[in-house]
Amino acid sequence: MPCRPAIASMSVGRAWVHRLPDKLPEIAAAGFHGLEIFYEDLEYRARELGEVNEDTLLAAARETKEQCDQRGLQIIGLQPFLFYEGLVDRDEHRQKIAKLHLWFKIVQALGTDLIQIPSNFQPSGTSGDLDLIVADMVEVAELGLQQSPVVRFAYENLAWATHVSAWETLWEVVQRVDRPNFGCCLDTFNIAGRVWADPTAPDGKAPNADAALADSLARLARTVDVRKVFYLQVVDAERMEQPLLPGHPFHLEGQPARMSWSRNARLFLYEQDRGGYLPVVEIARVFLTELGFEGWVSMELFSRTMADPDPSVPRSHAQRAIKAWNRLAEELDL
């Protein structure tokens, strides 16, 4: 299908501040066609229905699907299935698989077929052994193939992940898993944030940033099979006025600087007036023109502004996001 705009539900407000049923009308009114459901939103809605358990989670999922259907919104996936791959404690791994069986029921209730798995960023308790990581991903893919309808998985490299932070490693895992329902989600922030940007640097850039990114994108265009790209996320971030080091308001002891930056300071595209500075359009151009991706393009954002209690936040964020999508679509002639 041609490229169509989507948004992540948490991008228009955190669940404990802005209720999912209140966010859906704003997302639809802005003009979005697709929606990533953030598990946190369902969990908080389930809490309103009673104790959070399988029954209330599934009730929240069914309600959400009905509300999305009424507004012409297609649910494209559920995310994030956190801290899964490479666990050293195999009892913990088995607990994750048990949780996955509940997620299979949830995605069926949501009327979607996609679960996103971000790369593990736990600081300890994980292995960088790619054989183990691949085996774990083969396991979920095989379980997904047993579902009716089949459930797909989109693996995403996070710029601050413990072991799989680069798209090259992500792609190696996708190739080695080699299952039709296992692919990836490519994210402009996670590529720029890993290769080009450094929030701890005075100028916000890594050494040789431009050359490194150009080389990375050229290799990505030559390497990645677009059929394994299940959807895209397009997002920018603020340049820090002071390096994100100890003493910075966003610094959190023990948390990688790129994660602190990501959680507090991402932006929608074309928001240079808010401090946006990543080469997002160049990356998106590779995804959408050179790779020739067609499908869902999600305007994702994590920011301190999502927890702003102002009731206008869902509307303002949704409007900012669709404005970014419309300008990108015009610039790249989508």
Protein backbone atom coordinates (compact mmCIF):
# COMPACT_ATOMS: atom_id res chain seq x y z
CA MET A 1 0.00 0.00 0.00
CA PRO A 2 1.17 3.59 -0.40
CA CYS A 3 2.63 5.37 2.62
CA ARG A 4 0.02 6.28 5.20
CA PRO A 5 0.38 8.29 8.41
CA ALA A 6 0.14 6.68 11.83
CA ILE A 7 0.96 7.79 15.36
CA ALA A 8 1.80 6.06 18.63
CA SER A 9 -0.87 6.47 21.29
CA MET A 10 1.56 7.66 23.97
CA SER A 11 2.89 10.37 21.64
CA VAL A 12 -0.17 12.47 22.41
CA GLY A 13 0.05 12.09 26.19
CA ARG A 14 1.12 9.69 28.92
CA ALA A 15 -1.53 7.26 30.14
CA TRP A 16 -1.60 8.39 33.76
CA VAL A 17 -2.34 11.97 32.65
CA HIS A 18 -4.34 11.63 29.42
CA ARG A 19 -6.81 8.75 29.06
CA LEU A 20 -6.73 6.63 25.92
CA PRO A 21 -10.47 7.13 25.19
CA ASP A 22 -9.88 10.88 25.28
CA LYS A 23 -6.86 10.71 22.96
CA LEU A 24 -8.45 8.69 20.17
CA PRO A 25 -10.83 11.46 18.96
CA GLU A 26 -7.93 13.92 18.73
CA ILE A 27 -5.81 11.47 16.74
CA ALA A 28 -8.63 10.81 14.30
CA ALA A 29 -9.59 14.48 14.01
CA ALA A 30 -6.01 15.37 13.10
CA GLY A 31 -6.23 13.10 10.06
CA PHE A 32 -4.28 10.01 11.03
CA HIS A 33 -5.24 6.65 9.53
CA GLY A 34 -3.20 4.31 11.73
CA LEU A 35 -2.39 3.91 15.41
CA GLU A 36 0.32 2.15 17.37
CA ILE A 37 -1.13 1.12 20.72
CA PHE A 38 1.24 1.63 23.63
CA TYR A 39 0.67 -1.13 26.18
CA GLU A 40 0.75 1.40 29.02
CA ASP A 41 -2.40 3.02 27.62
CA LEU A 42 -4.28 -0.27 27.69
CA GLU A 43 -3.02 -1.04 31.19
CA TYR A 44 -4.27 2.26 32.58
CA ARG A 45 -7.63 1.83 30.85
CA ALA A 46 -7.86 -1.70 32.33
CA ARG A 47 -7.20 -0.21 35.76
CA GLU A 48 -10.25 2.00 35.30
CA LEU A 49 -12.31 -1.12 34.63
CA GLY A 50 -11.12 -2.96 37.74
CA GLU A 51 -8.05 -4.93 38.76
CA VAL A 52 -5.52 -5.20 35.94
CA ASN A 53 -5.78 -8.77 34.72
CA GLU A 54 -6.47 -10.69 31.54
CA ASP A 55 -10.19 -9.92 31.60
CA THR A 56 -9.83 -6.16 32.02
CA LEU A 57 -6.95 -5.93 29.55
CA LEU A 58 -8.98 -7.74 26.91
CA ALA A 59 -12.03 -5.60 27.70
CA ALA A 60 -9.89 -2.47 27.25
CA ALA A 61 -8.53 -3.84 23.97
CA ARG A 62 -12.01 -4.64 22.61
CA GLU A 63 -13.29 -1.21 23.65
CA THR A 64 -10.31 0.48 21.99
CA LYS A 65 -10.84 -1.41 18.74
CA GLU A 66 -14.50 -0.42 18.70
CA GLN A 67 -13.64 3.23 19.28
CA CYS A 68 -10.97 3.13 16.57
CA ASP A 69 -13.35 1.46 14.12
CA GLN A 70 -15.91 4.20 14.74
CA ARG A 71 -13.29 6.81 13.86
CA GLY A 72 -11.71 5.08 10.86
CA LEU A 73 -8.46 4.38 12.71
CA GLN A 74 -6.62 1.15 11.94
CA ILE A 75 -4.59 -0.30 14.81
CA ILE A 76 -1.27 -1.24 13.25
CA GLY A 77 0.37 -2.89 16.24
CA LEU A 78 0.97 -3.19 19.97
CA GLN A 79 4.23 -2.06 21.56
CA PRO A 80 6.62 -2.39 23.33
CA PHE A 81 7.19 -6.02 24.35
CA LEU A 82 10.04 -5.06 26.65
CA PHE A 83 13.17 -6.77 27.96
CA TYR A 84 12.73 -10.02 26.07
CA GLU A 85 15.73 -11.24 24.15
CA GLY A 86 19.05 -12.49 25.52
CA LEU A 87 17.99 -12.98 29.14
CA VAL A 88 20.57 -14.92 31.13
CA ASP A 89 17.94 -16.10 33.64
CA ARG A 90 15.93 -18.62 31.63
CA ASP A 91 13.16 -18.73 34.22
CA GLU A 92 12.70 -15.03 33.53
CA HIS A 93 12.66 -15.87 29.83
CA ARG A 94 9.86 -18.41 30.37
CA GLN A 95 7.86 -15.76 32.23
CA LYS A 96 8.18 -13.50 29.20
CA ILE A 97 6.88 -16.26 26.95
CA ALA A 98 3.89 -16.71 29.27
CA LYS A 99 3.24 -12.96 29.00
CA LEU A 100 3.50 -13.20 25.22
CA HIS A 101 0.56 -15.62 25.14
CA LEU A 102 -1.56 -12.91 26.78
CA TRP A 103 -0.29 -10.40 24.21
CA PHE A 104 -1.45 -12.77 21.47
CA LYS A 105 -4.97 -12.50 22.90
CA ILE A 106 -4.69 -8.73 23.20
CA VAL A 107 -3.60 -8.17 19.59
CA GLN A 108 -6.43 -10.40 18.43
CA ALA A 109 -8.87 -8.29 20.46
CA LEU A 110 -7.33 -5.13 18.98
CA GLY A 111 -7.76 -6.51 15.47
CA THR A 112 -4.09 -6.24 14.60
CA ASP A 113 -1.36 -8.76 13.83
CA LEU A 114 1.84 -6.97 14.89
CA ILE A 115 3.88 -6.85 18.09
CA GLN A 116 6.91 -4.60 18.33
CA ILE A 117 9.95 -5.78 20.30
CA PRO A 118 12.52 -3.07 21.12
CA SER A 119 16.06 -4.29 21.69
CA ASN A 120 16.82 -5.06 25.32
CA PHE A 121 18.33 -2.19 27.28
CA GLN A 122 18.55 -3.76 30.72
CA PRO A 123 21.95 -2.83 32.18
CA SER A 124 22.55 -6.35 33.50
CA GLY A 125 21.19 -9.85 33.19
CA THR A 126 21.39 -10.01 29.40
CA SER A 127 23.76 -11.72 27.01
CA GLY A 128 25.26 -10.27 23.87
CA ASP A 129 25.54 -13.78 22.42
CA LEU A 130 23.82 -13.42 19.06
CA ASP A 131 23.14 -17.16 18.95
CA LEU A 132 21.01 -16.82 22.09
CA ILE A 133 19.33 -13.63 20.85
CA VAL A 134 18.48 -15.28 17.52
CA ALA A 135 17.18 -18.42 19.26
CA ASP A 136 14.92 -16.28 21.44
CA MET A 137 13.56 -14.49 18.40
CA VAL A 138 13.04 -17.75 16.50
CA GLU A 139 10.97 -18.91 19.46
CA VAL A 140 8.57 -15.95 19.34
CA ALA A 141 8.38 -16.10 15.55
CA GLU A 142 7.44 -19.78 15.65
CA LEU A 143 4.80 -19.10 18.29
CA GLY A 144 3.46 -16.27 16.14
CA LEU A 145 3.16 -18.59 13.16
CA GLN A 146 0.97 -20.90 15.23
CA GLN A 147 -1.59 -18.14 15.87
CA SER A 148 -4.66 -17.57 13.74
CA PRO A 149 -4.27 -15.11 12.21
CA VAL A 150 -0.47 -15.23 12.19
CA VAL A 151 1.18 -12.67 14.47
CA ARG A 152 4.15 -10.73 13.12
CA PHE A 153 7.02 -9.22 15.09
CA ALA A 154 8.84 -5.96 14.36
CA TYR A 155 12.25 -5.82 16.06
CA GLU A 156 13.62 -2.33 16.70
CA ASN A 157 17.18 -1.33 17.58
CA LEU A 158 17.24 1.29 20.34
CA ALA A 159 20.17 3.71 20.23
CA TRP A 160 20.92 3.04 23.91
CA ALA A 161 20.34 -0.74 23.91
CA THR A 162 22.80 -2.94 25.78
CA HIS A 163 23.73 -5.14 22.82
CA VAL A 164 21.58 -4.44 19.72
CA SER A 165 21.90 -0.68 19.28
CA ALA A 166 22.96 -0.53 15.62
CA TRP A 167 20.79 -1.33 12.63
CA GLU A 168 23.51 -3.66 11.34
CA THR A 169 23.14 -5.96 14.35
CA LEU A 170 19.36 -5.73 14.12
CA TRP A 171 19.51 -6.76 10.47
CA GLU A 172 21.79 -9.70 11.24
CA VAL A 173 19.23 -10.96 13.74
CA VAL A 174 16.38 -10.54 11.24
CA GLN A 175 18.31 -12.46 8.59
CA ARG A 176 19.29 -15.27 10.91
CA VAL A 177 15.78 -15.67 12.33
CA ASP A 178 14.58 -16.05 8.72
CA ARG A 179 10.86 -16.38 9.37
CA PRO A 180 8.18 -14.72 7.23
CA ASN A 181 6.54 -13.09 10.25
CA PHE A 182 9.74 -11.61 11.72
CA GLY A 183 10.97 -8.26 10.47
CA CYS A 184 11.93 -4.86 11.79
CA CYS A 185 10.82 -1.34 12.55
CA LEU A 186 13.26 1.32 11.37
CA ASP A 187 13.32 4.55 13.37
CA THR A 188 14.98 7.79 12.30
CA PHE A 189 15.83 8.74 15.89
CA ASN A 190 17.49 5.45 16.72
CA ILE A 191 19.69 5.59 13.64
CA ALA A 192 20.61 9.27 13.98
CA GLY A 193 20.92 8.96 17.75
CA ARG A 194 23.31 6.04 17.47
CA VAL A 195 25.50 7.15 14.56
CA TRP A 196 25.24 10.93 14.17
CA ALA A 197 24.21 12.47 17.48
CA ASP A 198 25.73 12.51 20.95
CA PRO A 199 23.78 14.39 23.65
CA THR A 200 26.87 14.47 25.88
CA ALA A 201 28.90 16.43 23.31
CA PRO A 202 28.94 20.26 23.34
CA ASP A 203 27.70 20.43 19.75
CA GLY A 204 25.35 17.45 20.10
CA LYS A 205 27.19 15.46 17.44
CA ALA A 206 29.40 12.38 17.40
CA PRO A 207 32.90 12.60 15.88
CA ASN A 208 32.81 12.55 12.06
CA ALA A 209 29.03 12.52 12.35
CA ASP A 210 28.14 13.46 8.77
CA ALA A 211 30.54 11.01 7.14
CA ALA A 212 29.56 8.22 9.53
CA LEU A 213 25.87 8.70 8.82
CA ALA A 214 26.36 8.90 5.06
CA ASP A 215 28.31 5.65 5.14
CA SER A 216 25.72 3.98 7.38
CA LEU A 217 22.79 5.01 5.21
CA ALA A 218 24.54 3.94 2.01
CA ARG A 219 25.11 0.50 3.49
CA LEU A 220 21.54 0.32 4.78
CA ALA A 221 20.16 1.10 1.31
CA ARG A 222 22.32 -1.65 -0.19
CA THR A 223 21.64 -4.20 2.53
CA VAL A 224 18.13 -4.10 3.94
CA ASP A 225 15.33 -5.98 2.18
CA VAL A 226 12.38 -3.59 2.33
CA ARG A 227 9.98 -6.54 2.54
CA LYS A 228 11.30 -7.11 6.06
CA VAL A 229 10.57 -3.53 7.13
CA PHE A 230 7.13 -3.81 8.69
CA TYR A 231 6.74 -0.11 9.49
CA LEU A 232 8.69 3.11 10.06
CA GLN A 233 8.90 5.63 12.87
CA VAL A 234 9.86 9.21 12.06
CA VAL A 235 10.98 11.44 14.92
CA ASP A 236 13.48 14.19 15.72
CA ALA A 237 15.03 15.36 19.01
CA GLU A 238 16.20 18.51 20.74
CA ARG A 239 19.81 19.57 20.76
CA MET A 240 20.80 19.93 24.40
CA GLU A 241 21.74 23.47 25.41
CA GLN A 242 24.29 21.92 27.76
CA PRO A 243 25.80 18.44 27.43
CA LEU A 244 23.68 15.74 29.06
CA LEU A 245 26.17 14.87 31.78
CA PRO A 246 25.89 14.66 35.59
CA GLY A 247 24.22 17.85 36.76
CA HIS A 248 21.97 18.12 33.70
CA PRO A 249 18.23 18.15 34.57
CA PHE A 250 17.68 15.03 32.42
CA HIS A 251 20.63 13.07 33.82
CA LEU A 252 19.70 9.96 35.79
CA GLU A 253 22.42 8.00 37.52
CA GLY A 254 22.90 4.60 35.89
CA GLN A 255 20.82 5.47 32.82
CA PRO A 256 22.54 5.90 29.45
CA ALA A 257 22.60 9.51 28.31
CA ARG A 258 20.92 8.61 25.02
CA MET A 259 18.04 7.02 26.92
CA SER A 260 17.61 10.07 29.18
CA TRP A 261 17.66 12.25 26.07
CA SER A 262 15.18 10.03 24.28
CA ARG A 263 12.71 9.97 27.16
CA ASN A 264 12.71 13.73 27.68
CA ALA A 265 13.50 15.50 24.46
CA ARG A 266 12.23 13.90 21.29
CA LEU A 267 10.28 16.07 18.86
CA PHE A 268 8.15 15.72 15.80
CA LEU A 269 9.86 16.43 12.51
CA TYR A 270 10.39 20.03 11.29
CA GLU A 271 10.34 21.47 14.81
CA GLN A 272 13.63 23.33 14.65
CA ASP A 273 11.95 26.15 16.56
CA ARG A 274 11.77 23.74 19.50
CA GLY A 275 15.40 22.68 19.12
CA GLY A 276 15.10 19.87 16.57
CA TYR A 277 18.39 19.22 14.81
CA LEU A 278 18.73 15.63 13.68
CA PRO A 279 19.11 14.84 9.95
CA VAL A 280 15.72 13.14 9.92
CA VAL A 281 14.70 14.02 6.37
CA GLU A 282 17.93 12.54 4.97
CA ILE A 283 17.26 9.29 6.82
CA ALA A 284 13.58 9.24 5.89
CA ARG A 285 14.53 9.81 2.26
CA VAL A 286 16.64 6.63 2.31
CA PHE A 287 13.79 4.67 3.86
CA LEU A 288 11.07 6.02 1.61
CA THR A 289 12.87 6.71 -1.66
CA GLU A 290 15.97 4.56 -1.91
CA LEU A 291 14.54 1.50 -0.14
CA GLY A 292 11.15 2.24 -1.64
CA PHE A 293 9.21 1.53 1.54
CA GLU A 294 5.44 1.63 1.28
CA GLY A 295 3.20 1.22 4.30
CA TRP A 296 2.68 2.75 7.72
CA VAL A 297 4.84 5.68 8.77
CA SER A 298 4.38 6.43 12.46
CA MET A 299 5.08 9.86 13.88
CA GLU A 300 6.45 8.82 17.26
CA LEU A 301 7.50 11.08 20.09
CA PHE A 302 8.75 10.70 23.64
CA SER A 303 9.00 13.94 25.57
CA ARG A 304 8.52 15.51 28.97
CA THR A 305 5.61 17.35 27.35
CA MET A 306 3.59 14.13 27.21
CA ALA A 307 3.11 14.32 30.99
CA ASP A 308 1.90 17.93 30.90
CA PRO A 309 -1.54 17.85 32.59
CA ASP A 310 -2.92 20.54 30.29
CA PRO A 311 -5.98 18.90 28.65
CA SER A 312 -5.02 20.47 25.31
CA VAL A 313 -1.89 18.27 25.03
CA PRO A 314 -3.49 15.39 23.05
CA ARG A 315 -4.90 17.81 20.49
CA SER A 316 -1.75 19.93 20.19
CA HIS A 317 0.51 16.90 19.87
CA ALA A 318 -1.74 15.27 17.28
CA GLN A 319 -1.84 18.50 15.26
CA ARG A 320 1.94 18.93 15.49
CA ALA A 321 2.40 15.35 14.31
CA ILE A 322 0.09 15.56 11.29
CA LYS A 323 1.71 18.85 10.31
CA ALA A 324 5.07 17.06 10.29
CA TRP A 325 3.67 14.18 8.22
CA ASN A 326 2.06 16.48 5.65
CA ARG A 327 5.28 18.43 5.17
CA LEU A 328 7.35 15.25 4.85
CA ALA A 329 4.89 13.80 2.34
CA GLU A 330 5.16 17.00 0.29
CA GLU A 331 8.95 17.21 0.50
CA LEU A 332 9.48 13.58 -0.54
CA ASP A 333 6.54 13.53 -2.96
CA LEU A 334 4.95 10.56 -1.25
